[in-house]
Amino acid sequence: MPERFTQKQVTLDDNHSTGRLKVSQLMTLLDKHPYQAEVADVFETEKIKGDFIVIDHVDTVFKRLVYINANFERFAIKAQTKHIDISEGDKPVKDLANPKPLIFNFSEYILKGETSNDLDCYAIYDSKNSYFENYDMSKYANRLYKIGLGGLAHYNLNFFKNLAASDHHFNKQKSYRLVASNGELFLRGITSISQYFEYGVDFTFVVAMLTLHRDMKQHHSQYQALRLCCTFRAV
């Protein structure tokens, strides 16, 4: 069974790559990115939109990122501990290594400055452990779920949730990084609101290629052929 979110190696085949990519094409990766305008301004991409970036397999990596952006929508919400509940799913989720991941329910959350209610998502990667570690109970909770005593884990988590509702010291607001895939929502990470901003692989790739292109134009004689070597996780 294929794993929707596993790391996949991209085959860099010389027979299927031109080794060229227009700047205007590259910039389409940032169509919905919050820093699109800043990147365009810093690199003056309007002036060089017709330039070709010449790096082996740059077009192959670009196509893979286009695929990821088309099939996986990434975004983040903010939520407080008192508004989060965790439950066990009773139906398998297609194409996951763990077919019955835990379900996070956000009774209240903030998305793009707007407050909304009742959102469910499946926990993937290390997101559930990150949540459990808020209470130093990752091993304990995972063990309970594994041996069929998820109700006891839920009792402990619910205790802390109720405590957060009455004591602000236990009520932490964090950023919950979500991804939408095939009409389903998944929680892929939990981070501090004040200390973390996710730029994304697409942003990193665009900025790296524009920086190389600018430097290659300025110091052309110092460069030999460049090749990319990449391994991708979907999100």
Protein backbone atom coordinates (compact mmCIF):
# COMPACT_ATOMS: atom_id res chain seq x y z
CA MET A 1 0.00 0.00 0.00
CA PRO A 2 1.42 3.43 -0.89
CA GLU A 3 2.18 5.79 1.97
CA ARG A 4 0.77 9.24 1.31
CA PHE A 5 3.29 11.12 3.45
CA THR A 6 6.45 9.07 3.28
CA GLN A 7 9.74 10.47 2.02
CA LYS A 8 10.25 9.72 -1.67
CA GLN A 9 13.40 9.96 -3.73
CA VAL A 10 13.10 11.89 -6.97
CA THR A 11 14.84 10.22 -9.90
CA LEU A 12 17.04 12.72 -11.70
CA ASP A 13 17.22 11.27 -15.20
CA ASP A 14 19.25 13.19 -17.77
CA ASN A 15 16.99 11.83 -20.50
CA HIS A 16 13.96 13.55 -18.99
CA SER A 17 15.46 16.90 -18.07
CA THR A 18 16.35 19.97 -20.10
CA GLY A 19 18.35 21.47 -17.23
CA ARG A 20 16.63 24.80 -17.91
CA LEU A 21 13.80 26.69 -16.25
CA LYS A 22 12.45 30.18 -16.87
CA VAL A 23 12.38 32.55 -13.93
CA SER A 24 8.71 33.26 -14.66
CA GLN A 25 7.94 29.54 -14.30
CA LEU A 26 9.94 29.26 -11.11
CA MET A 27 7.99 32.11 -9.50
CA THR A 28 4.67 30.30 -9.99
CA LEU A 29 5.66 28.13 -7.01
CA LEU A 30 5.06 31.19 -4.81
CA ASP A 31 1.63 32.12 -6.20
CA LYS A 32 -0.01 31.67 -2.78
CA HIS A 33 3.02 32.29 -0.59
CA PRO A 34 2.89 35.22 1.87
CA TYR A 35 6.40 36.35 0.81
CA GLN A 36 5.84 36.24 -2.92
CA ALA A 37 5.99 40.03 -3.32
CA GLU A 38 9.11 40.34 -1.18
CA VAL A 39 10.98 37.69 -3.18
CA ALA A 40 9.97 39.34 -6.46
CA ASP A 41 11.18 42.69 -5.16
CA VAL A 42 14.52 41.50 -3.78
CA PHE A 43 15.46 39.61 -6.94
CA GLU A 44 13.71 42.02 -9.35
CA THR A 45 12.11 39.05 -11.06
CA GLU A 46 9.97 41.20 -13.35
CA LYS A 47 13.15 42.34 -15.09
CA ILE A 48 14.53 38.81 -15.47
CA LYS A 49 11.30 36.83 -15.93
CA GLY A 50 12.46 35.69 -19.38
CA ASP A 51 15.84 34.44 -18.12
CA PHE A 52 16.58 30.72 -18.10
CA ILE A 53 18.10 29.24 -14.95
CA VAL A 54 20.57 26.66 -16.23
CA ILE A 55 21.20 23.96 -13.61
CA ASP A 56 20.99 20.23 -14.24
CA HIS A 57 17.57 18.85 -13.25
CA VAL A 58 16.18 22.20 -12.09
CA ASP A 59 13.09 21.46 -14.21
CA THR A 60 12.66 17.99 -12.65
CA VAL A 61 12.66 19.36 -9.12
CA PHE A 62 10.32 22.16 -10.19
CA LYS A 63 7.78 19.64 -11.56
CA ARG A 64 7.87 17.67 -8.33
CA LEU A 65 7.17 20.78 -6.26
CA VAL A 66 4.31 21.71 -8.59
CA TYR A 67 2.84 18.26 -7.96
CA ILE A 68 3.18 18.65 -4.18
CA ASN A 69 1.56 22.09 -4.19
CA ALA A 70 -1.31 20.81 -6.35
CA ASN A 71 -2.04 17.77 -4.15
CA PHE A 72 -1.18 18.94 -0.64
CA GLU A 73 -2.51 22.23 0.74
CA ARG A 74 -0.47 23.39 3.74
CA PHE A 75 -1.66 25.89 6.32
CA ALA A 76 -1.60 26.53 10.06
CA ILE A 77 -4.17 27.32 12.71
CA LYS A 78 -3.80 28.69 16.22
CA ALA A 79 -5.54 27.00 19.12
CA GLN A 80 -5.55 26.90 22.90
CA THR A 81 -5.14 23.73 24.96
CA LYS A 82 -8.63 24.06 26.46
CA HIS A 83 -10.14 23.79 22.98
CA ILE A 84 -8.42 20.53 21.96
CA ASP A 85 -9.70 17.00 22.37
CA ILE A 86 -8.12 13.71 21.18
CA SER A 87 -9.95 10.55 20.25
CA GLU A 88 -9.32 7.21 18.55
CA GLY A 89 -10.62 6.76 15.02
CA ASP A 90 -12.83 3.75 14.25
CA LYS A 91 -12.42 3.86 10.46
CA PRO A 92 -9.14 3.27 8.59
CA VAL A 93 -7.62 6.14 6.63
CA LYS A 94 -6.41 5.24 3.15
CA ASP A 95 -2.69 5.23 2.29
CA LEU A 96 -1.28 5.75 5.78
CA ALA A 97 1.37 3.64 7.51
CA ASN A 98 -0.85 3.79 10.60
CA PRO A 99 -4.34 3.22 9.16
CA LYS A 100 -6.08 4.39 12.34
CA PRO A 101 -4.31 7.54 13.53
CA LEU A 102 -5.52 9.57 16.49
CA ILE A 103 -8.00 12.33 15.74
CA PHE A 104 -7.49 15.88 17.02
CA ASN A 105 -10.65 17.94 17.41
CA PHE A 106 -10.40 21.71 17.74
CA SER A 107 -13.62 23.05 19.24
CA GLU A 108 -12.31 26.56 18.56
CA TYR A 109 -9.38 27.75 16.45
CA ILE A 110 -8.05 30.75 14.56
CA LEU A 111 -7.30 30.66 10.83
CA LYS A 112 -6.03 33.81 9.10
CA GLY A 113 -7.32 35.97 11.93
CA GLU A 114 -10.83 34.48 11.88
CA THR A 115 -12.18 32.36 14.74
CA SER A 116 -13.98 29.17 13.73
CA ASN A 117 -15.31 26.05 15.44
CA ASP A 118 -15.21 22.27 15.22
CA LEU A 119 -12.34 21.03 13.08
CA ASP A 120 -11.15 17.41 12.98
CA CYS A 121 -7.80 16.18 11.65
CA TYR A 122 -5.70 13.02 11.77
CA ALA A 123 -2.34 13.01 13.55
CA ILE A 124 0.66 12.12 11.37
CA TYR A 125 4.44 12.26 11.76
CA ASP A 126 5.35 13.17 15.34
CA SER A 127 2.44 15.50 16.04
CA LYS A 128 0.75 13.37 18.70
CA ASN A 129 4.05 12.88 20.55
CA SER A 130 4.66 16.64 20.45
CA TYR A 131 1.27 17.13 22.07
CA PHE A 132 1.81 14.42 24.69
CA GLU A 133 5.21 15.88 25.58
CA ASN A 134 3.43 18.99 26.89
CA TYR A 135 2.67 16.75 29.89
CA ASP A 136 5.78 14.51 29.78
CA MET A 137 3.57 11.54 28.96
CA SER A 138 4.50 10.55 25.41
CA LYS A 139 5.67 6.99 26.22
CA TYR A 140 2.86 6.49 28.71
CA ALA A 141 0.07 7.62 26.37
CA ASN A 142 1.42 5.70 23.38
CA ARG A 143 1.66 2.55 25.49
CA LEU A 144 -1.94 2.89 26.62
CA TYR A 145 -3.21 3.32 23.07
CA LYS A 146 -1.10 0.37 21.91
CA ILE A 147 -2.50 -2.07 24.50
CA GLY A 148 -6.09 -1.01 24.00
CA LEU A 149 -6.39 1.30 26.99
CA GLY A 150 -6.87 4.50 25.03
CA GLY A 151 -9.70 5.47 27.36
CA LEU A 152 -7.23 5.81 30.22
CA ALA A 153 -4.97 8.01 28.09
CA HIS A 154 -7.99 10.13 27.18
CA TYR A 155 -8.89 10.45 30.88
CA ASN A 156 -5.44 11.87 31.62
CA LEU A 157 -5.48 14.23 28.64
CA ASN A 158 -8.98 15.38 29.51
CA PHE A 159 -7.82 16.18 33.04
CA PHE A 160 -5.22 18.59 31.66
CA LYS A 161 -7.72 20.04 29.19
CA ASN A 162 -10.15 20.83 32.02
CA LEU A 163 -7.30 22.26 34.08
CA ALA A 164 -6.41 24.55 31.16
CA ALA A 165 -9.97 25.83 31.09
CA SER A 166 -9.69 27.09 34.67
CA ASP A 167 -5.98 27.94 34.96
CA HIS A 168 -4.30 30.07 32.28
CA HIS A 169 -0.88 28.69 33.23
CA PHE A 170 -1.91 25.37 31.69
CA ASN A 171 -3.67 26.91 28.71
CA LYS A 172 -1.06 27.26 25.97
CA GLN A 173 -1.77 28.69 22.54
CA LYS A 174 0.29 27.11 19.79
CA SER A 175 0.43 26.81 16.03
CA TYR A 176 -0.91 23.59 14.58
CA ARG A 177 0.44 22.86 11.10
CA LEU A 178 -2.13 21.15 8.91
CA VAL A 179 -2.18 19.64 5.44
CA ALA A 180 -5.22 18.86 3.31
CA SER A 181 -5.00 15.81 1.04
CA ASN A 182 -7.76 14.07 -0.91
CA GLY A 183 -10.45 15.89 1.06
CA GLU A 184 -8.96 14.91 4.44
CA LEU A 185 -7.13 17.00 7.03
CA PHE A 186 -3.95 15.93 8.82
CA LEU A 187 -1.99 17.44 11.69
CA ARG A 188 1.70 17.27 10.77
CA GLY A 189 3.35 19.40 13.45
CA ILE A 190 2.93 21.63 16.49
CA THR A 191 5.12 24.68 17.01
CA SER A 192 5.46 27.76 19.16
CA ILE A 193 3.63 30.74 17.74
CA SER A 194 6.36 33.24 18.59
CA GLN A 195 9.44 31.22 17.66
CA TYR A 196 8.63 29.49 14.39
CA PHE A 197 7.59 30.41 10.87
CA GLU A 198 7.42 27.82 8.12
CA TYR A 199 8.74 29.13 4.82
CA GLY A 200 8.25 25.85 2.97
CA VAL A 201 10.33 23.80 0.55
CA ASP A 202 8.88 25.73 -2.38
CA PHE A 203 10.07 29.06 -0.93
CA THR A 204 13.51 27.63 -0.14
CA PHE A 205 13.89 26.20 -3.64
CA VAL A 206 12.84 29.43 -5.36
CA VAL A 207 15.17 31.61 -3.30
CA ALA A 208 18.08 29.17 -3.71
CA MET A 209 17.66 29.00 -7.49
CA LEU A 210 17.31 32.77 -7.85
CA THR A 211 20.39 33.33 -5.70
CA LEU A 212 22.42 30.85 -7.74
CA HIS A 213 21.19 32.36 -10.99
CA ARG A 214 22.15 35.86 -9.89
CA ASP A 215 25.57 34.72 -8.73
CA MET A 216 26.19 32.69 -11.88
CA LYS A 217 25.46 35.74 -14.03
CA GLN A 218 27.87 37.86 -12.00
CA HIS A 219 30.65 35.27 -11.79
CA HIS A 220 30.03 33.06 -14.80
CA SER A 221 33.64 32.00 -15.25
CA GLN A 222 33.81 30.55 -11.72
CA TYR A 223 30.97 28.09 -12.27
CA GLN A 224 31.00 24.69 -13.85
CA ALA A 225 27.87 22.64 -14.45
CA LEU A 226 25.68 22.39 -11.35
CA ARG A 227 23.52 19.38 -10.55
CA LEU A 228 20.72 18.98 -8.04
CA CYS A 229 20.22 15.93 -5.86
CA CYS A 230 16.98 15.80 -3.91
CA THR A 231 14.82 13.61 -1.71
CA PHE A 232 11.28 14.80 -0.96
CA ARG A 233 8.74 14.17 1.71
CA ALA A 234 5.32 15.16 0.46
CA VAL A 235 4.81 17.84 3.14
